[in-house]
Amino acid sequence: MTAPAALVARGPDGTEQVLVRAGGGLPAAARIVLATSRAGQDALEVDLLEGEGEAARLVARARFTLPRGLPANAWIPVEVSVGPDLRVRAEARENLRRVRAPAAFTPGAGDTAYQAG
């Protein structure tokens, strides 16, 4: 199976990273790194988009609950995977601080081929 469209992550600062290229093989996995913006931040969010540029549609917003006490600029790796069924899963994992947080998804309003969860 191949990806019907690109899957893109848009971070809180607006930067975008292609996780899966259109026509790429599935299943697929990619890693992005998010960072806390302030000390004590208890969650991180990233938008997952289908397609690129102006035509991109929101698949879901992924929210990761973080442990208390993280400093500002703590880097949190997030692993995103897409199965052959086009289901998107995401988990924040960072071994040094023992962060392990599955994504809580808020689905987008648009009709997309990818499904969160």
N, C-alpha and C. Protein backbone atom coordinates (compact mmCIF):
# COMPACT_ATOMS: atom_id res chain seq x y z
N MET A 1 0.86 -1.18 0.00
CA MET A 1 0.00 0.00 0.00
C MET A 1 0.90 1.24 0.00
N THR A 2 0.42 2.28 -0.65
CA THR A 2 1.16 3.54 -0.68
C THR A 2 0.32 4.66 -0.07
N ALA A 3 1.00 5.67 0.39
CA ALA A 3 0.34 6.82 1.01
C ALA A 3 -0.41 7.63 -0.06
N PRO A 4 -1.69 7.95 0.19
CA PRO A 4 -2.47 8.69 -0.79
C PRO A 4 -2.08 10.17 -0.88
N ALA A 5 -1.47 10.67 0.18
CA ALA A 5 -1.06 12.08 0.23
C ALA A 5 0.04 12.19 1.28
N ALA A 6 0.73 13.30 1.27
CA ALA A 6 1.75 13.53 2.30
C ALA A 6 1.08 13.67 3.66
N LEU A 7 1.76 13.22 4.69
CA LEU A 7 1.34 13.47 6.07
C LEU A 7 2.39 14.40 6.66
N VAL A 8 1.94 15.54 7.15
CA VAL A 8 2.83 16.60 7.61
C VAL A 8 2.52 16.94 9.07
N ALA A 9 3.57 17.18 9.84
CA ALA A 9 3.41 17.64 11.22
C ALA A 9 3.70 19.14 11.25
N ARG A 10 2.80 19.90 11.88
CA ARG A 10 3.02 21.34 12.09
C ARG A 10 3.13 21.57 13.59
N GLY A 11 4.32 22.02 14.01
CA GLY A 11 4.58 22.24 15.42
C GLY A 11 3.96 23.53 15.93
N PRO A 12 4.04 23.76 17.24
CA PRO A 12 3.47 24.96 17.86
C PRO A 12 4.06 26.26 17.31
N ASP A 13 5.29 26.19 16.80
CA ASP A 13 5.91 27.39 16.26
C ASP A 13 5.62 27.59 14.77
N GLY A 14 4.80 26.70 14.19
CA GLY A 14 4.41 26.83 12.79
C GLY A 14 5.31 26.11 11.80
N THR A 15 6.42 25.55 12.27
CA THR A 15 7.29 24.82 11.35
C THR A 15 6.63 23.51 10.96
N GLU A 16 6.87 23.10 9.72
CA GLU A 16 6.27 21.88 9.20
C GLU A 16 7.35 20.88 8.81
N GLN A 17 7.03 19.61 9.00
CA GLN A 17 7.94 18.53 8.62
C GLN A 17 7.12 17.42 7.97
N VAL A 18 7.55 16.99 6.79
CA VAL A 18 6.87 15.89 6.10
C VAL A 18 7.25 14.59 6.81
N LEU A 19 6.22 13.87 7.24
CA LEU A 19 6.43 12.59 7.92
C LEU A 19 6.35 11.43 6.94
N VAL A 20 5.41 11.51 6.02
CA VAL A 20 5.20 10.49 4.99
C VAL A 20 5.00 11.22 3.68
N ARG A 21 5.74 10.84 2.67
CA ARG A 21 5.59 11.46 1.34
C ARG A 21 4.45 10.79 0.58
N ALA A 22 3.76 11.57 -0.23
CA ALA A 22 2.71 11.03 -1.10
C ALA A 22 3.33 9.93 -1.96
N GLY A 23 2.67 8.79 -2.01
CA GLY A 23 3.17 7.66 -2.80
C GLY A 23 4.20 6.82 -2.08
N GLY A 24 4.57 7.23 -0.85
CA GLY A 24 5.53 6.45 -0.06
C GLY A 24 4.90 5.16 0.44
N GLY A 25 5.73 4.19 0.71
CA GLY A 25 5.24 2.90 1.18
C GLY A 25 4.70 2.95 2.59
N LEU A 26 3.67 2.14 2.83
CA LEU A 26 3.07 2.00 4.16
C LEU A 26 3.17 0.54 4.57
N PRO A 27 3.40 0.23 5.83
CA PRO A 27 3.45 1.14 6.97
C PRO A 27 4.71 2.00 6.94
N ALA A 28 4.64 3.11 7.66
CA ALA A 28 5.75 4.05 7.73
C ALA A 28 5.82 4.64 9.13
N ALA A 29 7.00 5.12 9.48
CA ALA A 29 7.18 5.76 10.79
C ALA A 29 8.18 6.90 10.63
N ALA A 30 8.01 7.91 11.46
CA ALA A 30 8.92 9.07 11.45
C ALA A 30 9.01 9.62 12.86
N ARG A 31 10.06 10.39 13.08
CA ARG A 31 10.26 11.00 14.40
C ARG A 31 10.40 12.50 14.21
N ILE A 32 9.74 13.23 15.10
CA ILE A 32 9.91 14.67 15.17
C ILE A 32 10.31 15.00 16.61
N VAL A 33 10.87 16.15 16.80
CA VAL A 33 11.26 16.57 18.14
C VAL A 33 10.54 17.87 18.45
N LEU A 34 9.78 17.85 19.53
CA LEU A 34 9.11 19.05 20.03
C LEU A 34 9.86 19.53 21.26
N ALA A 35 9.64 20.77 21.64
CA ALA A 35 10.32 21.31 22.82
C ALA A 35 9.33 22.10 23.66
N THR A 36 9.50 22.01 24.96
CA THR A 36 8.69 22.83 25.85
C THR A 36 9.11 24.29 25.68
N SER A 37 8.17 25.20 25.81
CA SER A 37 8.49 26.62 25.64
C SER A 37 8.69 27.32 26.99
N ARG A 38 8.24 26.68 28.06
CA ARG A 38 8.39 27.30 29.38
C ARG A 38 8.55 26.20 30.43
N ALA A 39 9.16 26.55 31.53
CA ALA A 39 9.33 25.60 32.63
C ALA A 39 7.97 25.21 33.18
N GLY A 40 7.83 23.94 33.52
CA GLY A 40 6.58 23.45 34.10
C GLY A 40 5.47 23.19 33.09
N GLN A 41 5.75 23.33 31.82
CA GLN A 41 4.73 23.08 30.79
C GLN A 41 4.23 21.65 30.92
N ASP A 42 2.91 21.47 30.91
CA ASP A 42 2.36 20.14 31.16
C ASP A 42 1.83 19.43 29.92
N ALA A 43 1.93 20.06 28.74
CA ALA A 43 1.44 19.42 27.52
C ALA A 43 2.12 20.02 26.30
N LEU A 44 2.18 19.21 25.25
CA LEU A 44 2.64 19.65 23.94
C LEU A 44 1.59 19.27 22.92
N GLU A 45 1.44 20.07 21.87
CA GLU A 45 0.49 19.77 20.80
C GLU A 45 1.18 19.90 19.46
N VAL A 46 0.73 19.08 18.53
CA VAL A 46 1.21 19.14 17.15
C VAL A 46 0.03 18.83 16.24
N ASP A 47 -0.09 19.58 15.14
CA ASP A 47 -1.13 19.32 14.16
C ASP A 47 -0.61 18.35 13.12
N LEU A 48 -1.42 17.38 12.76
CA LEU A 48 -1.10 16.43 11.71
C LEU A 48 -1.96 16.78 10.50
N LEU A 49 -1.33 17.05 9.38
CA LEU A 49 -2.01 17.54 8.19
C LEU A 49 -1.88 16.54 7.04
N GLU A 50 -2.93 16.44 6.25
CA GLU A 50 -2.87 15.65 5.02
C GLU A 50 -2.63 16.61 3.87
N GLY A 51 -1.55 16.41 3.14
CA GLY A 51 -1.21 17.29 2.04
C GLY A 51 -0.28 18.40 2.51
N GLU A 52 0.17 19.19 1.53
CA GLU A 52 1.12 20.26 1.83
C GLU A 52 0.60 21.60 1.33
N GLY A 53 1.12 22.67 1.91
CA GLY A 53 0.79 24.02 1.46
C GLY A 53 -0.64 24.42 1.80
N GLU A 54 -1.20 25.28 0.96
CA GLU A 54 -2.54 25.82 1.18
C GLU A 54 -3.63 24.75 1.14
N ALA A 55 -3.40 23.67 0.42
CA ALA A 55 -4.41 22.62 0.26
C ALA A 55 -4.42 21.63 1.42
N ALA A 56 -3.50 21.77 2.37
CA ALA A 56 -3.41 20.83 3.49
C ALA A 56 -4.68 20.87 4.33
N ARG A 57 -5.10 19.70 4.79
CA ARG A 57 -6.28 19.58 5.65
C ARG A 57 -5.88 18.94 6.97
N LEU A 58 -6.49 19.42 8.04
CA LEU A 58 -6.18 18.92 9.38
C LEU A 58 -6.75 17.51 9.55
N VAL A 59 -5.86 16.56 9.80
CA VAL A 59 -6.28 15.20 10.14
C VAL A 59 -6.68 15.17 11.61
N ALA A 60 -5.79 15.70 12.46
CA ALA A 60 -6.04 15.72 13.91
C ALA A 60 -5.00 16.59 14.59
N ARG A 61 -5.35 17.03 15.78
CA ARG A 61 -4.38 17.66 16.67
C ARG A 61 -4.02 16.62 17.72
N ALA A 62 -2.72 16.36 17.86
CA ALA A 62 -2.24 15.40 18.84
C ALA A 62 -1.75 16.16 20.06
N ARG A 63 -2.23 15.74 21.23
CA ARG A 63 -1.84 16.39 22.49
C ARG A 63 -1.16 15.35 23.37
N PHE A 64 -0.01 15.74 23.89
CA PHE A 64 0.77 14.85 24.76
C PHE A 64 0.84 15.46 26.15
N THR A 65 0.39 14.73 27.15
CA THR A 65 0.46 15.19 28.53
C THR A 65 1.84 14.85 29.07
N LEU A 66 2.50 15.86 29.62
CA LEU A 66 3.87 15.70 30.11
C LEU A 66 3.92 15.64 31.63
N PRO A 67 4.97 15.03 32.17
CA PRO A 67 5.11 15.03 33.63
C PRO A 67 5.46 16.43 34.13
N ARG A 68 5.15 16.67 35.37
CA ARG A 68 5.45 17.98 35.97
C ARG A 68 6.96 18.16 36.13
N GLY A 69 7.35 19.44 36.13
CA GLY A 69 8.73 19.76 36.46
C GLY A 69 9.71 19.81 35.30
N LEU A 70 9.24 19.71 34.07
CA LEU A 70 10.19 19.80 32.96
C LEU A 70 10.67 21.24 32.81
N PRO A 71 11.91 21.42 32.43
CA PRO A 71 12.43 22.78 32.23
C PRO A 71 11.98 23.34 30.88
N ALA A 72 12.18 24.62 30.68
CA ALA A 72 11.95 25.22 29.37
C ALA A 72 12.96 24.60 28.39
N ASN A 73 12.56 24.48 27.16
CA ASN A 73 13.41 23.93 26.09
C ASN A 73 13.79 22.47 26.30
N ALA A 74 12.94 21.70 27.00
CA ALA A 74 13.17 20.26 27.11
C ALA A 74 12.74 19.63 25.78
N TRP A 75 13.62 18.88 25.16
CA TRP A 75 13.32 18.25 23.89
C TRP A 75 12.59 16.95 24.13
N ILE A 76 11.47 16.81 23.43
CA ILE A 76 10.64 15.61 23.57
C ILE A 76 10.47 14.96 22.20
N PRO A 77 11.11 13.80 21.96
CA PRO A 77 10.92 13.10 20.70
C PRO A 77 9.51 12.52 20.60
N VAL A 78 8.92 12.64 19.42
CA VAL A 78 7.59 12.11 19.16
C VAL A 78 7.68 11.16 17.98
N GLU A 79 7.21 9.94 18.16
CA GLU A 79 7.20 8.96 17.08
C GLU A 79 5.80 8.88 16.52
N VAL A 80 5.72 9.05 15.21
CA VAL A 80 4.45 8.99 14.50
C VAL A 80 4.52 7.81 13.54
N SER A 81 3.49 6.97 13.56
CA SER A 81 3.45 5.83 12.64
C SER A 81 2.12 5.82 11.89
N VAL A 82 2.18 5.30 10.68
CA VAL A 82 0.99 5.16 9.85
C VAL A 82 0.94 3.72 9.38
N GLY A 83 -0.17 3.04 9.67
CA GLY A 83 -0.33 1.66 9.25
C GLY A 83 -0.88 1.56 7.84
N PRO A 84 -0.92 0.36 7.30
CA PRO A 84 -1.47 0.17 5.96
C PRO A 84 -2.96 0.51 5.89
N ASP A 85 -3.61 0.60 7.05
CA ASP A 85 -5.02 0.99 7.12
C ASP A 85 -5.20 2.51 7.19
N LEU A 86 -4.08 3.26 7.06
CA LEU A 86 -4.05 4.73 7.10
C LEU A 86 -4.35 5.29 8.49
N ARG A 87 -4.24 4.45 9.52
CA ARG A 87 -4.39 4.91 10.89
C ARG A 87 -3.10 5.53 11.38
N VAL A 88 -3.21 6.72 11.95
CA VAL A 88 -2.05 7.44 12.46
C VAL A 88 -2.00 7.29 13.97
N ARG A 89 -0.84 6.93 14.46
CA ARG A 89 -0.62 6.83 15.91
C ARG A 89 0.60 7.68 16.25
N ALA A 90 0.61 8.19 17.47
CA ALA A 90 1.74 9.02 17.89
C ALA A 90 1.99 8.83 19.38
N GLU A 91 3.26 8.87 19.75
CA GLU A 91 3.63 8.73 21.15
C GLU A 91 4.89 9.55 21.41
N ALA A 92 4.87 10.31 22.49
CA ALA A 92 6.06 11.04 22.94
C ALA A 92 6.85 10.11 23.84
N ARG A 93 8.15 10.00 23.57
CA ARG A 93 9.00 9.12 24.37
C ARG A 93 10.36 9.77 24.55
N GLU A 94 10.75 9.88 25.78
CA GLU A 94 12.07 10.45 26.08
C GLU A 94 12.60 9.71 27.30
N ASN A 95 13.69 8.98 27.12
CA ASN A 95 14.18 8.08 28.17
C ASN A 95 14.84 8.78 29.35
N LEU A 96 15.58 9.85 29.11
CA LEU A 96 16.29 10.53 30.19
C LEU A 96 15.34 10.98 31.30
N ARG A 97 14.23 11.58 30.89
CA ARG A 97 13.25 12.06 31.88
C ARG A 97 12.09 11.09 32.07
N ARG A 98 12.18 9.95 31.43
CA ARG A 98 11.16 8.90 31.51
C ARG A 98 9.78 9.38 31.08
N VAL A 99 9.76 10.13 29.99
CA VAL A 99 8.50 10.60 29.43
C VAL A 99 7.99 9.52 28.48
N ARG A 100 6.76 9.14 28.65
CA ARG A 100 6.08 8.21 27.73
C ARG A 100 4.62 8.61 27.73
N ALA A 101 4.19 9.24 26.65
CA ALA A 101 2.83 9.79 26.60
C ALA A 101 2.20 9.52 25.23
N PRO A 102 1.18 8.65 25.19
CA PRO A 102 0.47 8.46 23.93
C PRO A 102 -0.32 9.73 23.60
N ALA A 103 -0.56 9.93 22.33
CA ALA A 103 -1.30 11.12 21.90
C ALA A 103 -2.78 10.97 22.21
N ALA A 104 -3.38 12.05 22.66
CA ALA A 104 -4.84 12.18 22.73
C ALA A 104 -5.20 13.01 21.50
N PHE A 105 -5.99 12.46 20.61
CA PHE A 105 -6.28 13.12 19.34
C PHE A 105 -7.60 13.89 19.38
N THR A 106 -7.59 15.07 18.79
CA THR A 106 -8.80 15.82 18.49
C THR A 106 -8.90 15.81 16.97
N PRO A 107 -9.91 15.12 16.41
CA PRO A 107 -10.00 15.01 14.95
C PRO A 107 -10.23 16.36 14.29
N GLY A 108 -9.72 16.48 13.06
CA GLY A 108 -9.97 17.68 12.26
C GLY A 108 -11.38 17.65 11.71
N ALA A 109 -11.81 18.77 11.17
CA ALA A 109 -13.17 18.88 10.65
C ALA A 109 -13.30 18.39 9.22
N GLY A 110 -12.17 18.27 8.52
CA GLY A 110 -12.21 17.90 7.11
C GLY A 110 -12.27 16.40 6.88
N ASP A 111 -12.59 16.04 5.66
CA ASP A 111 -12.61 14.64 5.25
C ASP A 111 -11.21 14.29 4.75
N THR A 112 -10.53 13.39 5.44
CA THR A 112 -9.16 13.02 5.07
C THR A 112 -9.06 11.52 4.93
N ALA A 113 -8.07 11.07 4.15
CA ALA A 113 -7.83 9.64 4.00
C ALA A 113 -7.24 9.06 5.27
N TYR A 114 -6.39 9.84 5.96
CA TYR A 114 -5.77 9.38 7.20
C TYR A 114 -6.77 9.50 8.34
N GLN A 115 -6.68 8.58 9.28
CA GLN A 115 -7.53 8.59 10.46
C GLN A 115 -6.64 8.53 11.70
N ALA A 116 -6.91 9.37 12.67
CA ALA A 116 -6.12 9.39 13.91
C ALA A 116 -6.64 8.32 14.86
N GLY A 117 -5.71 7.72 15.57
CA GLY A 117 -6.10 6.80 16.61
C GLY A 117 -5.49 5.49 16.43
